Amino acid sequence: GASGDTVAIPSGATITGSGLGKILQVVQGTTTTSVSNTSTTYADTGLTAAITPSATSSKILVVVNQHVVFFSSGNAAGGSLQLLKGSTVIYSGDAAYEIYIKATGSSAIQYYGRRNLNYLDSPSSTSELTYKTQARNYQNGMTLESQVDSAESTIILMEIAG
């Protein structure tokens, strides 16, 4: 009806769908601090953000744009990225290494790039939640760096009404 009209709702009726899918809040975390890792063990990249959902039915859409650099004295370089909520891994990629490059006949290799990651979380919580990324090398003898030369990495958290 027209603006200002009222609608009578019968007793015991349930209204559903109102506001579902609506973005309730957006939080962004950024970093330009360089972090180095020479291990095949996951280590923090310095990229983190926190959000407090307003309802247990909310979902959190996590959007990551992570700057990574791999150096190797051999002819292959690579590694992988994972996403954590608190200390729990919620996304660890599809393979032992998600980024991999190999040069034929080269004695050293470097990879500069970005890894994008999107993840929809259903936390069922109204407590503050902290999300962060970690990265690791494909093999020993390599160096992985995040945010080299002050390149910016971002993580965006969007609370979506459930």
C-alpha atoms as a PDB file:
ATOM      1  CA  GLY A   1       0.000   0.000   0.000  1.00  0.00           C
ATOM      2  CA  ALA A   2       0.844   3.651   0.222  1.00  0.00           C
ATOM      3  CA  SER A   3       3.369   5.044   2.666  1.00  0.00           C
ATOM      4  CA  GLY A   4       1.943   5.179   6.154  1.00  0.00           C
ATOM      5  CA  ASP A   5      -0.578   2.369   5.578  1.00  0.00           C
ATOM      6  CA  THR A   6      -0.835  -0.229   8.309  1.00  0.00           C
ATOM      7  CA  VAL A   7      -1.169  -3.958   7.896  1.00  0.00           C
ATOM      8  CA  ALA A   8      -2.995  -6.151  10.391  1.00  0.00           C
ATOM      9  CA  ILE A   9      -1.048  -9.274  11.344  1.00  0.00           C
ATOM     10  CA  PRO A  10      -3.174 -12.116  12.682  1.00  0.00           C
ATOM     11  CA  SER A  11      -2.251 -13.474  16.112  1.00  0.00           C
ATOM     12  CA  GLY A  12       0.252 -16.329  15.859  1.00  0.00           C
ATOM     13  CA  ALA A  13       1.411 -15.327  12.365  1.00  0.00           C
ATOM     14  CA  THR A  14       5.130 -15.281  11.586  1.00  0.00           C
ATOM     15  CA  ILE A  15       6.799 -12.789   9.290  1.00  0.00           C
ATOM     16  CA  THR A  16       9.862 -14.165   7.514  1.00  0.00           C
ATOM     17  CA  GLY A  17      12.320 -12.769   5.010  1.00  0.00           C
ATOM     18  CA  SER A  18      12.352  -9.261   6.416  1.00  0.00           C
ATOM     19  CA  GLY A  19      15.904  -7.975   6.131  1.00  0.00           C
ATOM     20  CA  LEU A  20      17.439 -11.342   5.197  1.00  0.00           C
ATOM     21  CA  GLY A  21      20.648 -10.857   3.249  1.00  0.00           C
ATOM     22  CA  LYS A  22      20.971  -7.215   4.267  1.00  0.00           C
ATOM     23  CA  ILE A  23      24.503  -6.020   5.073  1.00  0.00           C
ATOM     24  CA  LEU A  24      24.457  -4.916   8.711  1.00  0.00           C
ATOM     25  CA  GLN A  25      28.057  -3.737   9.136  1.00  0.00           C
ATOM     26  CA  VAL A  26      31.378  -3.665   7.334  1.00  0.00           C
ATOM     27  CA  VAL A  27      34.838  -3.737   8.942  1.00  0.00           C
ATOM     28  CA  GLN A  28      38.142  -3.438   7.087  1.00  0.00           C
ATOM     29  CA  GLY A  29      41.627  -4.311   8.243  1.00  0.00           C
ATOM     30  CA  THR A  30      44.747  -3.307   6.342  1.00  0.00           C
ATOM     31  CA  THR A  31      48.489  -3.677   6.733  1.00  0.00           C
ATOM     32  CA  THR A  32      51.576  -2.536   4.888  1.00  0.00           C
ATOM     33  CA  THR A  33      54.031  -4.043   7.387  1.00  0.00           C
ATOM     34  CA  SER A  34      56.394  -6.518   5.763  1.00  0.00           C
ATOM     35  CA  VAL A  35      56.450  -9.992   7.333  1.00  0.00           C
ATOM     36  CA  SER A  36      58.951 -12.715   6.372  1.00  0.00           C
ATOM     37  CA  ASN A  37      58.682 -16.504   6.712  1.00  0.00           C
ATOM     38  CA  THR A  38      61.358 -19.022   5.668  1.00  0.00           C
ATOM     39  CA  SER A  39      59.478 -22.108   6.873  1.00  0.00           C
ATOM     40  CA  THR A  40      56.940 -24.572   5.496  1.00  0.00           C
ATOM     41  CA  THR A  41      54.956 -23.957   8.698  1.00  0.00           C
ATOM     42  CA  TYR A  42      52.091 -21.447   8.528  1.00  0.00           C
ATOM     43  CA  ALA A  43      52.890 -18.072  10.098  1.00  0.00           C
ATOM     44  CA  ASP A  44      50.866 -14.873  10.566  1.00  0.00           C
ATOM     45  CA  THR A  45      51.019 -12.395   7.678  1.00  0.00           C
ATOM     46  CA  GLY A  46      50.062  -9.410   9.851  1.00  0.00           C
ATOM     47  CA  LEU A  47      46.623  -9.101   8.210  1.00  0.00           C
ATOM     48  CA  THR A  48      43.761  -9.176  10.729  1.00  0.00           C
ATOM     49  CA  ALA A  49      40.340  -7.659  11.486  1.00  0.00           C
ATOM     50  CA  ALA A  50      37.672  -8.117  14.177  1.00  0.00           C
ATOM     51  CA  ILE A  51      33.881  -7.887  14.090  1.00  0.00           C
ATOM     52  CA  THR A  52      31.088  -8.385  16.633  1.00  0.00           C
ATOM     53  CA  PRO A  53      27.965  -9.873  15.001  1.00  0.00           C
ATOM     54  CA  SER A  54      24.656  -8.380  16.120  1.00  0.00           C
ATOM     55  CA  ALA A  55      22.782 -11.722  15.957  1.00  0.00           C
ATOM     56  CA  THR A  56      23.648 -15.423  16.137  1.00  0.00           C
ATOM     57  CA  SER A  57      21.855 -15.927  12.808  1.00  0.00           C
ATOM     58  CA  SER A  58      24.208 -13.534  10.992  1.00  0.00           C
ATOM     59  CA  LYS A  59      26.793 -14.693   8.498  1.00  0.00           C
ATOM     60  CA  ILE A  60      30.203 -13.082   8.015  1.00  0.00           C
ATOM     61  CA  LEU A  61      31.532 -12.660   4.480  1.00  0.00           C
ATOM     62  CA  VAL A  62      35.339 -12.469   4.558  1.00  0.00           C
ATOM     63  CA  VAL A  63      37.072 -10.896   1.545  1.00  0.00           C
ATOM     64  CA  VAL A  64      40.891 -11.037   1.504  1.00  0.00           C
ATOM     65  CA  ASN A  65      43.364  -9.410  -0.880  1.00  0.00           C
ATOM     66  CA  GLN A  66      46.766 -10.619   0.337  1.00  0.00           C
ATOM     67  CA  HIS A  67      50.063  -9.402  -1.132  1.00  0.00           C
ATOM     68  CA  VAL A  68      52.689 -12.177  -1.274  1.00  0.00           C
ATOM     69  CA  VAL A  69      56.222 -12.550  -2.585  1.00  0.00           C
ATOM     70  CA  PHE A  70      58.131 -15.842  -2.873  1.00  0.00           C
ATOM     71  CA  PHE A  71      61.903 -15.980  -3.331  1.00  0.00           C
ATOM     72  CA  SER A  72      63.881 -19.131  -4.042  1.00  0.00           C
ATOM     73  CA  SER A  73      67.478 -19.841  -4.970  1.00  0.00           C
ATOM     74  CA  GLY A  74      66.189 -22.874  -6.889  1.00  0.00           C
ATOM     75  CA  ASN A  75      63.991 -22.937  -9.965  1.00  0.00           C
ATOM     76  CA  ALA A  76      60.629 -23.237  -8.135  1.00  0.00           C
ATOM     77  CA  ALA A  77      58.744 -21.017  -5.707  1.00  0.00           C
ATOM     78  CA  GLY A  78      55.329 -21.129  -4.145  1.00  0.00           C
ATOM     79  CA  GLY A  79      53.219 -21.499  -1.066  1.00  0.00           C
ATOM     80  CA  SER A  80      49.720 -21.322   0.331  1.00  0.00           C
ATOM     81  CA  LEU A  81      47.441 -19.110   2.389  1.00  0.00           C
ATOM     82  CA  GLN A  82      44.962 -20.028   5.096  1.00  0.00           C
ATOM     83  CA  LEU A  83      42.220 -18.123   6.928  1.00  0.00           C
ATOM     84  CA  LEU A  84      41.664 -18.374  10.677  1.00  0.00           C
ATOM     85  CA  LYS A  85      38.871 -17.298  12.991  1.00  0.00           C
ATOM     86  CA  GLY A  86      40.582 -16.878  16.339  1.00  0.00           C
ATOM     87  CA  SER A  87      42.999 -19.814  16.450  1.00  0.00           C
ATOM     88  CA  THR A  88      40.830 -22.114  14.310  1.00  0.00           C
ATOM     89  CA  VAL A  89      41.603 -22.655  10.622  1.00  0.00           C
ATOM     90  CA  ILE A  90      38.371 -22.147   8.649  1.00  0.00           C
ATOM     91  CA  TYR A  91      39.862 -22.225   5.139  1.00  0.00           C
ATOM     92  CA  SER A  92      43.116 -23.917   4.189  1.00  0.00           C
ATOM     93  CA  GLY A  93      42.999 -24.009   0.419  1.00  0.00           C
ATOM     94  CA  ASP A  94      42.599 -26.871  -1.995  1.00  0.00           C
ATOM     95  CA  ALA A  95      46.163 -28.182  -2.135  1.00  0.00           C
ATOM     96  CA  ALA A  96      49.489 -28.274  -0.318  1.00  0.00           C
ATOM     97  CA  TYR A  97      50.418 -25.188  -2.338  1.00  0.00           C
ATOM     98  CA  GLU A  98      48.031 -22.804  -4.059  1.00  0.00           C
ATOM     99  CA  ILE A  99      50.618 -20.586  -5.717  1.00  0.00           C
ATOM    100  CA  TYR A 100      53.400 -22.357  -7.581  1.00  0.00           C
ATOM    101  CA  ILE A 101      55.751 -21.292 -10.341  1.00  0.00           C
ATOM    102  CA  LYS A 102      58.678 -23.098 -11.900  1.00  0.00           C
ATOM    103  CA  ALA A 103      61.300 -21.747 -14.249  1.00  0.00           C
ATOM    104  CA  THR A 104      63.095 -24.074 -16.649  1.00  0.00           C
ATOM    105  CA  GLY A 105      66.850 -23.659 -16.484  1.00  0.00           C
ATOM    106  CA  SER A 106      66.766 -20.828 -13.959  1.00  0.00           C
ATOM    107  CA  SER A 107      68.943 -20.815 -10.874  1.00  0.00           C
ATOM    108  CA  ALA A 108      66.671 -18.431  -8.926  1.00  0.00           C
ATOM    109  CA  ILE A 109      63.056 -17.334  -9.059  1.00  0.00           C
ATOM    110  CA  GLN A 110      60.793 -14.669  -7.580  1.00  0.00           C
ATOM    111  CA  TYR A 111      57.017 -14.356  -7.583  1.00  0.00           C
ATOM    112  CA  TYR A 112      55.244 -11.097  -6.768  1.00  0.00           C
ATOM    113  CA  GLY A 113      51.473 -11.200  -6.650  1.00  0.00           C
ATOM    114  CA  ARG A 114      48.215 -11.183  -4.792  1.00  0.00           C
ATOM    115  CA  ARG A 115      46.061 -13.979  -3.455  1.00  0.00           C
ATOM    116  CA  ASN A 116      42.340 -13.268  -3.242  1.00  0.00           C
ATOM    117  CA  LEU A 117      40.153 -15.301  -0.953  1.00  0.00           C
ATOM    118  CA  ASN A 118      36.401 -15.127  -0.258  1.00  0.00           C
ATOM    119  CA  TYR A 119      34.795 -17.119   2.534  1.00  0.00           C
ATOM    120  CA  LEU A 120      31.260 -17.114   3.991  1.00  0.00           C
ATOM    121  CA  ASP A 121      31.311 -17.980   7.700  1.00  0.00           C
ATOM    122  CA  SER A 122      28.345 -18.900   9.912  1.00  0.00           C
ATOM    123  CA  PRO A 123      29.736 -18.201  13.393  1.00  0.00           C
ATOM    124  CA  SER A 124      26.483 -18.478  15.439  1.00  0.00           C
ATOM    125  CA  SER A 125      27.927 -15.937  17.861  1.00  0.00           C
ATOM    126  CA  THR A 126      27.487 -12.397  19.131  1.00  0.00           C
ATOM    127  CA  SER A 127      30.988 -12.293  20.628  1.00  0.00           C
ATOM    128  CA  GLU A 128      33.847 -10.441  18.980  1.00  0.00           C
ATOM    129  CA  LEU A 129      35.436 -12.552  16.225  1.00  0.00           C
ATOM    130  CA  THR A 130      38.961 -12.011  14.924  1.00  0.00           C
ATOM    131  CA  TYR A 131      39.897 -13.194  11.436  1.00  0.00           C
ATOM    132  CA  LYS A 132      43.467 -13.356  10.120  1.00  0.00           C
ATOM    133  CA  THR A 133      45.586 -14.865   7.373  1.00  0.00           C
ATOM    134  CA  GLN A 134      48.636 -17.090   7.586  1.00  0.00           C
ATOM    135  CA  ALA A 135      50.990 -18.188   4.806  1.00  0.00           C
ATOM    136  CA  ARG A 136      53.663 -20.831   4.299  1.00  0.00           C
ATOM    137  CA  ASN A 137      56.303 -21.814   1.765  1.00  0.00           C
ATOM    138  CA  TYR A 138      55.983 -24.726  -0.629  1.00  0.00           C
ATOM    139  CA  GLN A 139      59.357 -26.140   0.446  1.00  0.00           C
ATOM    140  CA  ASN A 140      62.321 -25.334   2.674  1.00  0.00           C
ATOM    141  CA  GLY A 141      64.985 -23.034   1.271  1.00  0.00           C
ATOM    142  CA  MET A 142      62.458 -20.428   0.133  1.00  0.00           C
ATOM    143  CA  THR A 143      61.369 -17.117   1.611  1.00  0.00           C
ATOM    144  CA  LEU A 144      57.811 -15.856   1.672  1.00  0.00           C
ATOM    145  CA  GLU A 145      57.166 -12.201   2.377  1.00  0.00           C
ATOM    146  CA  SER A 146      53.910 -10.312   2.775  1.00  0.00           C
ATOM    147  CA  GLN A 147      53.471  -6.598   2.057  1.00  0.00           C
ATOM    148  CA  VAL A 148      56.926  -6.117   0.483  1.00  0.00           C
ATOM    149  CA  ASP A 149      57.836  -2.470  -0.254  1.00  0.00           C
ATOM    150  CA  SER A 150      54.785  -1.320   1.759  1.00  0.00           C
ATOM    151  CA  ALA A 151      52.304  -3.033  -0.582  1.00  0.00           C
ATOM    152  CA  GLU A 152      48.903  -3.027   1.123  1.00  0.00           C
ATOM    153  CA  SER A 153      46.931  -6.152   2.006  1.00  0.00           C
ATOM    154  CA  THR A 154      43.268  -5.906   3.020  1.00  0.00           C
ATOM    155  CA  ILE A 155      40.669  -8.015   4.800  1.00  0.00           C
ATOM    156  CA  ILE A 156      37.021  -6.951   4.708  1.00  0.00           C
ATOM    157  CA  LEU A 157      34.413  -8.465   7.057  1.00  0.00           C
ATOM    158  CA  MET A 158      30.722  -8.000   6.221  1.00  0.00           C
ATOM    159  CA  GLU A 159      27.962  -9.026   8.595  1.00  0.00           C
ATOM    160  CA  ILE A 160      24.987 -10.281   6.593  1.00  0.00           C
ATOM    161  CA  ALA A 161      21.571 -10.675   8.217  1.00  0.00           C
ATOM    162  CA  GLY A 162      20.464 -14.275   8.427  1.00  0.00           C
END
